[in-house]
Structure formats: structure tokens, C-alpha cells
mmCIF file of all heavy atoms, coordinates in Angstrom:
data_MODEL
# 
_entry.id   MODEL 
# 
loop_
_atom_site.group_PDB 
_atom_site.id 
_atom_site.type_symbol 
_atom_site.label_atom_id 
_atom_site.label_alt_id 
_atom_site.label_comp_id 
_atom_site.label_asym_id 
_atom_site.label_entity_id 
_atom_site.label_seq_id 
_atom_site.pdbx_PDB_ins_code 
_atom_site.Cartn_x 
_atom_site.Cartn_y 
_atom_site.Cartn_z 
_atom_site.occupancy 
_atom_site.B_iso_or_equiv 
_atom_site.pdbx_formal_charge 
_atom_site.auth_seq_id 
_atom_site.auth_comp_id 
_atom_site.auth_asym_id 
_atom_site.auth_atom_id 
_atom_site.pdbx_PDB_model_num 
ATOM 1   N N   . SER A 1 1  ? 13.928  17.661 -1.402 1.00 0.00 ? 1  SER A N   1 
ATOM 2   C CA  . SER A 1 1  ? 12.790  18.531 -1.220 1.00 0.00 ? 1  SER A CA  1 
ATOM 3   C C   . SER A 1 1  ? 11.688  18.226 -2.243 1.00 0.00 ? 1  SER A C   1 
ATOM 4   O O   . SER A 1 1  ? 10.456  18.094 -1.853 1.00 0.00 ? 1  SER A O   1 
ATOM 5   C CB  . SER A 1 1  ? 13.208  19.999 -1.311 1.00 0.00 ? 1  SER A CB  1 
ATOM 6   O OG  . SER A 1 1  ? 12.097  20.842 -1.225 1.00 0.00 ? 1  SER A OG  1 
ATOM 7   N N   . ALA A 1 2  ? 12.047  18.016 -3.501 1.00 0.00 ? 2  ALA A N   1 
ATOM 8   C CA  . ALA A 1 2  ? 11.060  17.715 -4.511 1.00 0.00 ? 2  ALA A CA  1 
ATOM 9   C C   . ALA A 1 2  ? 10.428  16.357 -4.245 1.00 0.00 ? 2  ALA A C   1 
ATOM 10  O O   . ALA A 1 2  ? 9.188   16.158 -4.373 1.00 0.00 ? 2  ALA A O   1 
ATOM 11  C CB  . ALA A 1 2  ? 11.734  17.723 -5.892 1.00 0.00 ? 2  ALA A CB  1 
ATOM 12  N N   . GLN A 1 3  ? 11.287  15.415 -3.788 1.00 0.00 ? 3  GLN A N   1 
ATOM 13  C CA  . GLN A 1 3  ? 10.730  14.052 -3.492 1.00 0.00 ? 3  GLN A CA  1 
ATOM 14  C C   . GLN A 1 3  ? 9.777   14.169 -2.261 1.00 0.00 ? 3  GLN A C   1 
ATOM 15  O O   . GLN A 1 3  ? 8.698   13.562 -2.303 1.00 0.00 ? 3  GLN A O   1 
ATOM 16  C CB  . GLN A 1 3  ? 11.917  13.158 -3.126 1.00 0.00 ? 3  GLN A CB  1 
ATOM 17  C CG  . GLN A 1 3  ? 11.524  11.752 -2.788 1.00 0.00 ? 3  GLN A CG  1 
ATOM 18  C CD  . GLN A 1 3  ? 12.669  10.848 -2.385 1.00 0.00 ? 3  GLN A CD  1 
ATOM 19  O OE1 . GLN A 1 3  ? 13.819  11.356 -2.259 1.00 0.00 ? 3  GLN A OE1 1 
ATOM 20  N NE2 . GLN A 1 3  ? 12.444  9.608  -2.193 1.00 0.00 ? 3  GLN A NE2 1 
ATOM 21  N N   . LEU A 1 4  ? 10.154  14.928 -1.252 1.00 0.00 ? 4  LEU A N   1 
ATOM 22  C CA  . LEU A 1 4  ? 9.267   15.085 -0.112 1.00 0.00 ? 4  LEU A CA  1 
ATOM 23  C C   . LEU A 1 4  ? 7.980   15.793 -0.478 1.00 0.00 ? 4  LEU A C   1 
ATOM 24  O O   . LEU A 1 4  ? 6.893   15.451 0.009  1.00 0.00 ? 4  LEU A O   1 
ATOM 25  C CB  . LEU A 1 4  ? 9.955   15.890 1.011  1.00 0.00 ? 4  LEU A CB  1 
ATOM 26  C CG  . LEU A 1 4  ? 11.117  15.130 1.744  1.00 0.00 ? 4  LEU A CG  1 
ATOM 27  C CD1 . LEU A 1 4  ? 11.836  16.051 2.719  1.00 0.00 ? 4  LEU A CD1 1 
ATOM 28  C CD2 . LEU A 1 4  ? 10.542  13.923 2.411  1.00 0.00 ? 4  LEU A CD2 1 
ATOM 29  N N   . GLU A 1 5  ? 8.045   16.769 -1.395 1.00 0.00 ? 5  GLU A N   1 
ATOM 30  C CA  . GLU A 1 5  ? 6.847   17.457 -1.848 1.00 0.00 ? 5  GLU A CA  1 
ATOM 31  C C   . GLU A 1 5  ? 5.907   16.435 -2.570 1.00 0.00 ? 5  GLU A C   1 
ATOM 32  O O   . GLU A 1 5  ? 4.658   16.475 -2.352 1.00 0.00 ? 5  GLU A O   1 
ATOM 33  C CB  . GLU A 1 5  ? 7.160   18.605 -2.770 1.00 0.00 ? 5  GLU A CB  1 
ATOM 34  C CG  . GLU A 1 5  ? 7.696   19.824 -2.041 1.00 0.00 ? 5  GLU A CG  1 
ATOM 35  C CD  . GLU A 1 5  ? 8.088   20.958 -2.956 1.00 0.00 ? 5  GLU A CD  1 
ATOM 36  O OE1 . GLU A 1 5  ? 7.778   20.898 -4.161 1.00 0.00 ? 5  GLU A OE1 1 
ATOM 37  O OE2 . GLU A 1 5  ? 8.742   21.914 -2.472 1.00 0.00 ? 5  GLU A OE2 1 
ATOM 38  N N   . LYS A 1 6  ? 6.514   15.576 -3.376 1.00 0.00 ? 6  LYS A N   1 
ATOM 39  C CA  . LYS A 1 6  ? 5.693   14.520 -4.060 1.00 0.00 ? 6  LYS A CA  1 
ATOM 40  C C   . LYS A 1 6  ? 5.049   13.642 -2.999 1.00 0.00 ? 6  LYS A C   1 
ATOM 41  O O   . LYS A 1 6  ? 3.873   13.256 -3.123 1.00 0.00 ? 6  LYS A O   1 
ATOM 42  C CB  . LYS A 1 6  ? 6.543   13.732 -5.015 1.00 0.00 ? 6  LYS A CB  1 
ATOM 43  C CG  . LYS A 1 6  ? 6.938   14.447 -6.224 1.00 0.00 ? 6  LYS A CG  1 
ATOM 44  C CD  . LYS A 1 6  ? 7.774   13.605 -7.157 1.00 0.00 ? 6  LYS A CD  1 
ATOM 45  C CE  . LYS A 1 6  ? 8.272   14.366 -8.380 1.00 0.00 ? 6  LYS A CE  1 
ATOM 46  N NZ  . LYS A 1 6  ? 9.186   13.560 -9.207 1.00 0.00 ? 6  LYS A NZ  1 
ATOM 47  N N   . GLU A 1 7  ? 5.828   13.209 -1.999 1.00 0.00 ? 7  GLU A N   1 
ATOM 48  C CA  . GLU A 1 7  ? 5.266   12.320 -0.973 1.00 0.00 ? 7  GLU A CA  1 
ATOM 49  C C   . GLU A 1 7  ? 4.133   13.044 -0.190 1.00 0.00 ? 7  GLU A C   1 
ATOM 50  O O   . GLU A 1 7  ? 3.116   12.404 0.103  1.00 0.00 ? 7  GLU A O   1 
ATOM 51  C CB  . GLU A 1 7  ? 6.368   11.933 0.042  1.00 0.00 ? 7  GLU A CB  1 
ATOM 52  C CG  . GLU A 1 7  ? 7.351   10.905 -0.525 1.00 0.00 ? 7  GLU A CG  1 
ATOM 53  C CD  . GLU A 1 7  ? 8.444   10.524 0.481  1.00 0.00 ? 7  GLU A CD  1 
ATOM 54  O OE1 . GLU A 1 7  ? 8.296   10.732 1.662  1.00 0.00 ? 7  GLU A OE1 1 
ATOM 55  O OE2 . GLU A 1 7  ? 9.473   10.024 0.015  1.00 0.00 ? 7  GLU A OE2 1 
ATOM 56  N N   . VAL A 1 8  ? 4.375   14.320 0.127  1.00 0.00 ? 8  VAL A N   1 
ATOM 57  C CA  . VAL A 1 8  ? 3.317   15.082 0.808  1.00 0.00 ? 8  VAL A CA  1 
ATOM 58  C C   . VAL A 1 8  ? 2.049   15.168 -0.041 1.00 0.00 ? 8  VAL A C   1 
ATOM 59  O O   . VAL A 1 8  ? 0.934   14.967 0.459  1.00 0.00 ? 8  VAL A O   1 
ATOM 60  C CB  . VAL A 1 8  ? 3.834   16.463 1.196  1.00 0.00 ? 8  VAL A CB  1 
ATOM 61  C CG1 . VAL A 1 8  ? 2.692   17.402 1.596  1.00 0.00 ? 8  VAL A CG1 1 
ATOM 62  C CG2 . VAL A 1 8  ? 4.879   16.384 2.286  1.00 0.00 ? 8  VAL A CG2 1 
ATOM 63  N N   . ALA A 1 9  ? 2.212   15.402 -1.369 1.00 0.00 ? 9  ALA A N   1 
ATOM 64  C CA  . ALA A 1 9  ? 1.050   15.473 -2.249 1.00 0.00 ? 9  ALA A CA  1 
ATOM 65  C C   . ALA A 1 9  ? 0.364   14.099 -2.281 1.00 0.00 ? 9  ALA A C   1 
ATOM 66  O O   . ALA A 1 9  ? -0.896  14.055 -2.226 1.00 0.00 ? 9  ALA A O   1 
ATOM 67  C CB  . ALA A 1 9  ? 1.490   15.900 -3.641 1.00 0.00 ? 9  ALA A CB  1 
ATOM 68  N N   . THR A 1 10 ? 1.102   13.047 -2.342 1.00 0.00 ? 10 THR A N   1 
ATOM 69  C CA  . THR A 1 10 ? 0.529   11.693 -2.361 1.00 0.00 ? 10 THR A CA  1 
ATOM 70  C C   . THR A 1 10 ? -0.222  11.426 -1.056 1.00 0.00 ? 10 THR A C   1 
ATOM 71  O O   . THR A 1 10 ? -1.345  10.913 -1.035 1.00 0.00 ? 10 THR A O   1 
ATOM 72  C CB  . THR A 1 10 ? 1.622   10.631 -2.563 1.00 0.00 ? 10 THR A CB  1 
ATOM 73  O OG1 . THR A 1 10 ? 2.302   10.911 -3.770 1.00 0.00 ? 10 THR A OG1 1 
ATOM 74  C CG2 . THR A 1 10 ? 1.033   9.241  -2.607 1.00 0.00 ? 10 THR A CG2 1 
ATOM 75  N N   . LEU A 1 11 ? 0.404   11.812 0.063  1.00 0.00 ? 11 LEU A N   1 
ATOM 76  C CA  . LEU A 1 11 ? -0.225  11.616 1.373  1.00 0.00 ? 11 LEU A CA  1 
ATOM 77  C C   . LEU A 1 11 ? -1.508  12.434 1.488  1.00 0.00 ? 11 LEU A C   1 
ATOM 78  O O   . LEU A 1 11 ? -2.500  11.979 2.068  1.00 0.00 ? 11 LEU A O   1 
ATOM 79  C CB  . LEU A 1 11 ? 0.759   11.933 2.499  1.00 0.00 ? 11 LEU A CB  1 
ATOM 80  C CG  . LEU A 1 11 ? 1.920   10.965 2.672  1.00 0.00 ? 11 LEU A CG  1 
ATOM 81  C CD1 . LEU A 1 11 ? 2.900   11.454 3.693  1.00 0.00 ? 11 LEU A CD1 1 
ATOM 82  C CD2 . LEU A 1 11 ? 1.403   9.581  3.010  1.00 0.00 ? 11 LEU A CD2 1 
ATOM 83  N N   . ARG A 1 12 ? -1.457  13.657 0.961  1.00 0.00 ? 12 ARG A N   1 
ATOM 84  C CA  . ARG A 1 12 ? -2.662  14.484 1.004  1.00 0.00 ? 12 ARG A CA  1 
ATOM 85  C C   . ARG A 1 12 ? -3.828  13.848 0.190  1.00 0.00 ? 12 ARG A C   1 
ATOM 86  O O   . ARG A 1 12 ? -4.994  13.857 0.659  1.00 0.00 ? 12 ARG A O   1 
ATOM 87  C CB  . ARG A 1 12 ? -2.374  15.894 0.422  1.00 0.00 ? 12 ARG A CB  1 
ATOM 88  C CG  . ARG A 1 12 ? -1.676  16.793 1.419  1.00 0.00 ? 12 ARG A CG  1 
ATOM 89  C CD  . ARG A 1 12 ? -1.541  18.195 0.873  1.00 0.00 ? 12 ARG A CD  1 
ATOM 90  N NE  . ARG A 1 12 ? -0.840  19.032 1.854  1.00 0.00 ? 12 ARG A NE  1 
ATOM 91  C CZ  . ARG A 1 12 ? 0.039   19.937 1.551  1.00 0.00 ? 12 ARG A CZ  1 
ATOM 92  N NH1 . ARG A 1 12 ? 0.324   20.164 0.274  1.00 0.00 ? 12 ARG A NH1 1 
ATOM 93  N NH2 . ARG A 1 12 ? 0.619   20.647 2.456  1.00 0.00 ? 12 ARG A NH2 1 
ATOM 94  N N   . GLU A 1 13 ? -3.482  13.252 -0.948 1.00 0.00 ? 13 GLU A N   1 
ATOM 95  C CA  . GLU A 1 13 ? -4.479  12.611 -1.717 1.00 0.00 ? 13 GLU A CA  1 
ATOM 96  C C   . GLU A 1 13 ? -5.034  11.415 -0.980 1.00 0.00 ? 13 GLU A C   1 
ATOM 97  O O   . GLU A 1 13 ? -6.274  11.180 -0.948 1.00 0.00 ? 13 GLU A O   1 
ATOM 98  C CB  . GLU A 1 13 ? -3.908  12.078 -3.039 1.00 0.00 ? 13 GLU A CB  1 
ATOM 99  C CG  . GLU A 1 13 ? -3.702  13.142 -4.088 1.00 0.00 ? 13 GLU A CG  1 
ATOM 100 C CD  . GLU A 1 13 ? -3.123  12.574 -5.416 1.00 0.00 ? 13 GLU A CD  1 
ATOM 101 O OE1 . GLU A 1 13 ? -3.567  11.422 -5.802 1.00 0.00 ? 13 GLU A OE1 1 
ATOM 102 O OE2 . GLU A 1 13 ? -2.322  13.239 -6.017 1.00 0.00 ? 13 GLU A OE2 1 
ATOM 103 N N   . LYS A 1 14 ? -4.161  10.615 -0.317 1.00 0.00 ? 14 LYS A N   1 
ATOM 104 C CA  . LYS A 1 14 ? -4.586  9.499  0.490  1.00 0.00 ? 14 LYS A CA  1 
ATOM 105 C C   . LYS A 1 14 ? -5.474  9.926  1.623  1.00 0.00 ? 14 LYS A C   1 
ATOM 106 O O   . LYS A 1 14 ? -6.530  9.321  1.909  1.00 0.00 ? 14 LYS A O   1 
ATOM 107 C CB  . LYS A 1 14 ? -3.443  8.696  1.014  1.00 0.00 ? 14 LYS A CB  1 
ATOM 108 C CG  . LYS A 1 14 ? -2.690  7.869  -0.055 1.00 0.00 ? 14 LYS A CG  1 
ATOM 109 C CD  . LYS A 1 14 ? -1.520  7.102  0.510  1.00 0.00 ? 14 LYS A CD  1 
ATOM 110 C CE  . LYS A 1 14 ? -0.807  6.280  -0.532 1.00 0.00 ? 14 LYS A CE  1 
ATOM 111 N NZ  . LYS A 1 14 ? 0.358   5.547  0.029  1.00 0.00 ? 14 LYS A NZ  1 
ATOM 112 N N   . ILE A 1 15 ? -5.098  10.999 2.282  1.00 0.00 ? 15 ILE A N   1 
ATOM 113 C CA  . ILE A 1 15 ? -5.877  11.508 3.387  1.00 0.00 ? 15 ILE A CA  1 
ATOM 114 C C   . ILE A 1 15 ? -7.257  11.972 2.903  1.00 0.00 ? 15 ILE A C   1 
ATOM 115 O O   . ILE A 1 15 ? -8.271  11.698 3.510  1.00 0.00 ? 15 ILE A O   1 
ATOM 116 C CB  . ILE A 1 15 ? -5.144  12.663 4.083  1.00 0.00 ? 15 ILE A CB  1 
ATOM 117 C CG1 . ILE A 1 15 ? -3.956  12.089 4.892  1.00 0.00 ? 15 ILE A CG1 1 
ATOM 118 C CG2 . ILE A 1 15 ? -6.050  13.451 5.037  1.00 0.00 ? 15 ILE A CG2 1 
ATOM 119 C CD1 . ILE A 1 15 ? -3.028  13.177 5.455  1.00 0.00 ? 15 ILE A CD1 1 
ATOM 120 N N   . HIS A 1 16 ? -7.266  12.661 1.767  1.00 0.00 ? 16 HIS A N   1 
ATOM 121 C CA  . HIS A 1 16 ? -8.512  13.119 1.199  1.00 0.00 ? 16 HIS A CA  1 
ATOM 122 C C   . HIS A 1 16 ? -9.425  11.913 0.876  1.00 0.00 ? 16 HIS A C   1 
ATOM 123 O O   . HIS A 1 16 ? -10.600 11.909 1.152  1.00 0.00 ? 16 HIS A O   1 
ATOM 124 C CB  . HIS A 1 16 ? -8.251  13.955 -0.059 1.00 0.00 ? 16 HIS A CB  1 
ATOM 125 C CG  . HIS A 1 16 ? -9.473  14.479 -0.734 1.00 0.00 ? 16 HIS A CG  1 
ATOM 126 N ND1 . HIS A 1 16 ? -10.244 15.490 -0.139 1.00 0.00 ? 16 HIS A ND1 1 
ATOM 127 C CD2 . HIS A 1 16 ? -10.131 14.161 -1.864 1.00 0.00 ? 16 HIS A CD2 1 
ATOM 128 C CE1 . HIS A 1 16 ? -11.296 15.739 -0.919 1.00 0.00 ? 16 HIS A CE1 1 
ATOM 129 N NE2 . HIS A 1 16 ? -11.230 14.964 -1.993 1.00 0.00 ? 16 HIS A NE2 1 
ATOM 130 N N   . HIS A 1 17 ? -8.816  10.878 0.261  1.00 0.00 ? 17 HIS A N   1 
ATOM 131 C CA  . HIS A 1 17 ? -9.556  9.673  -0.095 1.00 0.00 ? 17 HIS A CA  1 
ATOM 132 C C   . HIS A 1 17 ? -10.102 8.981  1.192  1.00 0.00 ? 17 HIS A C   1 
ATOM 133 O O   . HIS A 1 17 ? -11.261 8.575  1.236  1.00 0.00 ? 17 HIS A O   1 
ATOM 134 C CB  . HIS A 1 17 ? -8.664  8.731  -0.853 1.00 0.00 ? 17 HIS A CB  1 
ATOM 135 C CG  . HIS A 1 17 ? -9.282  7.452  -1.285 1.00 0.00 ? 17 HIS A CG  1 
ATOM 136 N ND1 . HIS A 1 17 ? -10.321 7.410  -2.168 1.00 0.00 ? 17 HIS A ND1 1 
ATOM 137 C CD2 . HIS A 1 17 ? -9.069  6.191  -0.878 1.00 0.00 ? 17 HIS A CD2 1 
ATOM 138 C CE1 . HIS A 1 17 ? -10.727 6.143  -2.345 1.00 0.00 ? 17 HIS A CE1 1 
ATOM 139 N NE2 . HIS A 1 17 ? -9.960  5.404  -1.557 1.00 0.00 ? 17 HIS A NE2 1 
ATOM 140 N N   . LEU A 1 18 ? -9.236  8.904  2.213  1.00 0.00 ? 18 LEU A N   1 
ATOM 141 C CA  . LEU A 1 18 ? -9.696  8.309  3.471  1.00 0.00 ? 18 LEU A CA  1 
ATOM 142 C C   . LEU A 1 18 ? -10.763 9.084  4.108  1.00 0.00 ? 18 LEU A C   1 
ATOM 143 O O   . LEU A 1 18 ? -11.720 8.573  4.703  1.00 0.00 ? 18 LEU A O   1 
ATOM 144 C CB  . LEU A 1 18 ? -8.494  8.144  4.430  1.00 0.00 ? 18 LEU A CB  1 
ATOM 145 C CG  . LEU A 1 18 ? -7.487  7.046  4.019  1.00 0.00 ? 18 LEU A CG  1 
ATOM 146 C CD1 . LEU A 1 18 ? -6.270  7.074  4.973  1.00 0.00 ? 18 LEU A CD1 1 
ATOM 147 C CD2 . LEU A 1 18 ? -8.128  5.650  4.018  1.00 0.00 ? 18 LEU A CD2 1 
ATOM 148 N N   . ASP A 1 19 ? -10.688 10.438 4.049  1.00 0.00 ? 19 ASP A N   1 
ATOM 149 C CA  . ASP A 1 19 ? -11.720 11.297 4.593  1.00 0.00 ? 19 ASP A CA  1 
ATOM 150 C C   . ASP A 1 19 ? -13.035 11.038 3.850  1.00 0.00 ? 19 ASP A C   1 
ATOM 151 O O   . ASP A 1 19 ? -14.125 10.933 4.507  1.00 0.00 ? 19 ASP A O   1 
ATOM 152 C CB  . ASP A 1 19 ? -11.341 12.793 4.457  1.00 0.00 ? 19 ASP A CB  1 
ATOM 153 C CG  . ASP A 1 19 ? -10.388 13.252 5.491  1.00 0.00 ? 19 ASP A CG  1 
ATOM 154 O OD1 . ASP A 1 19 ? -10.193 12.549 6.517  1.00 0.00 ? 19 ASP A OD1 1 
ATOM 155 O OD2 . ASP A 1 19 ? -9.762  14.309 5.285  1.00 0.00 ? 19 ASP A OD2 1 
ATOM 156 N N   . ASP A 1 20 ? -13.010 10.920 2.519  1.00 0.00 ? 20 ASP A N   1 
ATOM 157 C CA  . ASP A 1 20 ? -14.202 10.621 1.778  1.00 0.00 ? 20 ASP A CA  1 
ATOM 158 C C   . ASP A 1 20 ? -14.802 9.276  2.197  1.00 0.00 ? 20 ASP A C   1 
ATOM 159 O O   . ASP A 1 20 ? -16.036 9.140  2.399  1.00 0.00 ? 20 ASP A O   1 
ATOM 160 C CB  . ASP A 1 20 ? -13.928 10.596 0.267  1.00 0.00 ? 20 ASP A CB  1 
ATOM 161 C CG  . ASP A 1 20 ? -13.665 12.009 -0.239 1.00 0.00 ? 20 ASP A CG  1 
ATOM 162 O OD1 . ASP A 1 20 ? -13.971 12.993 0.435  1.00 0.00 ? 20 ASP A OD1 1 
ATOM 163 O OD2 . ASP A 1 20 ? -13.160 12.119 -1.424 1.00 0.00 ? 20 ASP A OD2 1 
ATOM 164 N N   . MET A 1 21 ? -13.922 8.266  2.321  1.00 0.00 ? 21 MET A N   1 
ATOM 165 C CA  . MET A 1 21 ? -14.386 6.916  2.728  1.00 0.00 ? 21 MET A CA  1 
ATOM 166 C C   . MET A 1 21 ? -14.971 7.005  4.123  1.00 0.00 ? 21 MET A C   1 
ATOM 167 O O   . MET A 1 21 ? -16.021 6.370  4.368  1.00 0.00 ? 21 MET A O   1 
ATOM 168 C CB  . MET A 1 21 ? -13.244 5.938  2.717  1.00 0.00 ? 21 MET A CB  1 
ATOM 169 C CG  . MET A 1 21 ? -12.807 5.536  1.311  1.00 0.00 ? 21 MET A CG  1 
ATOM 170 S SD  . MET A 1 21 ? -11.394 4.411  1.209  1.00 0.00 ? 21 MET A SD  1 
ATOM 171 C CE  . MET A 1 21 ? -11.910 3.086  2.257  1.00 0.00 ? 21 MET A CE  1 
ATOM 172 N N   . LEU A 1 22 ? -14.319 7.749  5.013  1.00 0.00 ? 22 LEU A N   1 
ATOM 173 C CA  . LEU A 1 22 ? -14.816 7.856  6.419  1.00 0.00 ? 22 LEU A CA  1 
ATOM 174 C C   . LEU A 1 22 ? -16.206 8.529  6.409  1.00 0.00 ? 22 LEU A C   1 
ATOM 175 O O   . LEU A 1 22 ? -17.104 8.061  7.119  1.00 0.00 ? 22 LEU A O   1 
ATOM 176 C CB  . LEU A 1 22 ? -13.840 8.667  7.265  1.00 0.00 ? 22 LEU A CB  1 
ATOM 177 C CG  . LEU A 1 22 ? -14.178 8.888  8.699  1.00 0.00 ? 22 LEU A CG  1 
ATOM 178 C CD1 . LEU A 1 22 ? -14.223 7.527  9.422  1.00 0.00 ? 22 LEU A CD1 1 
ATOM 179 C CD2 . LEU A 1 22 ? -13.192 9.792  9.396  1.00 0.00 ? 22 LEU A CD2 1 
ATOM 180 N N   . LYS A 1 23 ? -16.361 9.624  5.649  1.00 0.00 ? 23 LYS A N   1 
ATOM 181 C CA  . LYS A 1 23 ? -17.624 10.300 5.562  1.00 0.00 ? 23 LYS A CA  1 
ATOM 182 C C   . LYS A 1 23 ? -18.728 9.358  5.016  1.00 0.00 ? 23 LYS A C   1 
ATOM 183 O O   . LYS A 1 23 ? -19.872 9.298  5.504  1.00 0.00 ? 23 LYS A O   1 
ATOM 184 C CB  . LYS A 1 23 ? -17.552 11.554 4.739  1.00 0.00 ? 23 LYS A CB  1 
ATOM 185 C CG  . LYS A 1 23 ? -16.820 12.661 5.408  1.00 0.00 ? 23 LYS A CG  1 
ATOM 186 C CD  . LYS A 1 23 ? -16.623 13.869 4.487  1.00 0.00 ? 23 LYS A CD  1 
ATOM 187 C CE  . LYS A 1 23 ? -15.770 14.925 5.162  1.00 0.00 ? 23 LYS A CE  1 
ATOM 188 N NZ  . LYS A 1 23 ? -15.492 16.057 4.257  1.00 0.00 ? 23 LYS A NZ  1 
ATOM 189 N N   . SER A 1 24 ? -18.337 8.584  4.010  1.00 0.00 ? 24 SER A N   1 
ATOM 190 C CA  . SER A 1 24 ? -19.308 7.620  3.448  1.00 0.00 ? 24 SER A CA  1 
ATOM 191 C C   . SER A 1 24 ? -19.702 6.588  4.467  1.00 0.00 ? 24 SER A C   1 
ATOM 192 O O   . SER A 1 24 ? -20.874 6.251  4.614  1.00 0.00 ? 24 SER A O   1 
ATOM 193 C CB  . SER A 1 24 ? -18.651 6.970  2.225  1.00 0.00 ? 24 SER A CB  1 
ATOM 194 O OG  . SER A 1 24 ? -19.455 5.926  1.745  1.00 0.00 ? 24 SER A OG  1 
ATOM 195 N N   . GLN A 1 25 ? -18.718 6.086  5.204  1.00 0.00 ? 25 GLN A N   1 
ATOM 196 C CA  . GLN A 1 25 ? -19.019 5.037  6.219  1.00 0.00 ? 25 GLN A CA  1 
ATOM 197 C C   . GLN A 1 25 ? -19.895 5.688  7.324  1.00 0.00 ? 25 GLN A C   1 
ATOM 198 O O   . GLN A 1 25 ? -20.794 5.037  7.840  1.00 0.00 ? 25 GLN A O   1 
ATOM 199 C CB  . GLN A 1 25 ? -17.731 4.491  6.830  1.00 0.00 ? 25 GLN A CB  1 
ATOM 200 C CG  . GLN A 1 25 ? -16.924 3.647  5.897  1.00 0.00 ? 25 GLN A CG  1 
ATOM 201 C CD  . GLN A 1 25 ? -17.728 2.433  5.392  1.00 0.00 ? 25 GLN A CD  1 
ATOM 202 O OE1 . GLN A 1 25 ? -18.463 1.816  6.141  1.00 0.00 ? 25 GLN A OE1 1 
ATOM 203 N NE2 . GLN A 1 25 ? -17.490 2.081  4.119  1.00 0.00 ? 25 GLN A NE2 1 
ATOM 204 N N   . GLN A 1 26 ? -19.583 6.928  7.700  1.00 0.00 ? 26 GLN A N   1 
ATOM 205 C CA  . GLN A 1 26 ? -20.385 7.625  8.728  1.00 0.00 ? 26 GLN A CA  1 
ATOM 206 C C   . GLN A 1 26 ? -21.833 7.744  8.253  1.00 0.00 ? 26 GLN A C   1 
ATOM 207 O O   . GLN A 1 26 ? -22.802 7.558  9.011  1.00 0.00 ? 26 GLN A O   1 
ATOM 208 C CB  . GLN A 1 26 ? -19.805 8.979  9.091  1.00 0.00 ? 26 GLN A CB  1 
ATOM 209 C CG  . GLN A 1 26 ? -18.525 8.857  9.915  1.00 0.00 ? 26 GLN A CG  1 
ATOM 210 C CD  . GLN A 1 26 ? -17.852 10.194 10.101 1.00 0.00 ? 26 GLN A CD  1 
ATOM 211 O OE1 . GLN A 1 26 ? -18.096 11.141 9.335  1.00 0.00 ? 26 GLN A OE1 1 
ATOM 212 N NE2 . GLN A 1 26 ? -16.998 10.272 11.111 1.00 0.00 ? 26 GLN A NE2 1 
ATOM 213 N N   . ARG A 1 27 ? -22.002 8.118  6.935  1.00 0.00 ? 27 ARG A N   1 
ATOM 214 C CA  . ARG A 1 27 ? -23.359 8.222  6.388  1.00 0.00 ? 27 ARG A CA  1 
ATOM 215 C C   . ARG A 1 27 ? -24.064 6.877  6.447  1.00 0.00 ? 27 ARG A C   1 
ATOM 216 O O   . ARG A 1 27 ? -25.216 6.775  6.830  1.00 0.00 ? 27 ARG A O   1 
ATOM 217 C CB  . ARG A 1 27 ? -23.297 8.711  4.947  1.00 0.00 ? 27 ARG A CB  1 
ATOM 218 C CG  . ARG A 1 27 ? -23.417 10.189 4.852  1.00 0.00 ? 27 ARG A CG  1 
ATOM 219 C CD  . ARG A 1 27 ? -23.476 10.621 3.349  1.00 0.00 ? 27 ARG A CD  1 
ATOM 220 N NE  . ARG A 1 27 ? -22.227 11.282 3.020  1.00 0.00 ? 27 ARG A NE  1 
ATOM 221 C CZ  . ARG A 1 27 ? -21.361 10.899 2.079  1.00 0.00 ? 27 ARG A CZ  1 
ATOM 222 N NH1 . ARG A 1 27 ? -21.681 9.941  1.258  1.00 0.00 ? 27 ARG A NH1 1 
ATOM 223 N NH2 . ARG A 1 27 ? -20.216 11.505 1.918  1.00 0.00 ? 27 ARG A NH2 1 
ATOM 224 N N   . LYS A 1 28 ? -23.329 5.796  6.117  1.00 0.00 ? 28 LYS A N   1 
ATOM 225 C CA  . LYS A 1 28 ? -23.932 4.467  6.140  1.00 0.00 ? 28 LYS A CA  1 
ATOM 226 C C   . LYS A 1 28 ? -24.346 4.116  7.547  1.00 0.00 ? 28 LYS A C   1 
ATOM 227 O O   . LYS A 1 28 ? -25.412 3.537  7.759  1.00 0.00 ? 28 LYS A O   1 
ATOM 228 C CB  . LYS A 1 28 ? -22.986 3.446  5.563  1.00 0.00 ? 28 LYS A CB  1 
ATOM 229 C CG  . LYS A 1 28 ? -22.822 3.469  4.087  1.00 0.00 ? 28 LYS A CG  1 
ATOM 230 C CD  . LYS A 1 28 ? -21.823 2.435  3.580  1.00 0.00 ? 28 LYS A CD  1 
ATOM 231 C CE  . LYS A 1 28 ? -21.621 2.537  2.066  1.00 0.00 ? 28 LYS A CE  1 
ATOM 232 N NZ  . LYS A 1 28 ? -20.659 1.535  1.624  1.00 0.00 ? 28 LYS A NZ  1 
ATOM 233 N N   . VAL A 1 29 ? -23.461 4.407  8.490  1.00 0.00 ? 29 VAL A N   1 
ATOM 234 C CA  . VAL A 1 29 ? -23.774 4.102  9.874  1.00 0.00 ? 29 VAL A CA  1 
ATOM 235 C C   . VAL A 1 29 ? -25.008 4.887  10.362 1.00 0.00 ? 29 VAL A C   1 
ATOM 236 O O   . VAL A 1 29 ? -25.910 4.364  11.013 1.00 0.00 ? 29 VAL A O   1 
ATOM 237 C CB  . VAL A 1 29 ? -22.535 4.378  10.792 1.00 0.00 ? 29 VAL A CB  1 
ATOM 238 C CG1 . VAL A 1 29 ? -22.929 4.362  12.273 1.00 0.00 ? 29 VAL A CG1 1 
ATOM 239 C CG2 . VAL A 1 29 ? -21.456 3.367  10.524 1.00 0.00 ? 29 VAL A CG2 1 
# 
């Protein structure tokens, strides 16, 4: 459970980062 929570937290960070990148790319477009 602790390991899965860490993975979820890591995935949330990655998703947040990808969302930021996507928004940036959308702005550029």
C-alpha cells in the first residue's frame, strides 16, 4: 500500500508536469 501510494504520488507529479507541458504547447500553438 505504501509503495502504491508512492507510485500514485509520482504519477500525479508526472501528470501535473504533462498538463503543464500540454498547456504550454497549447499556448504556443
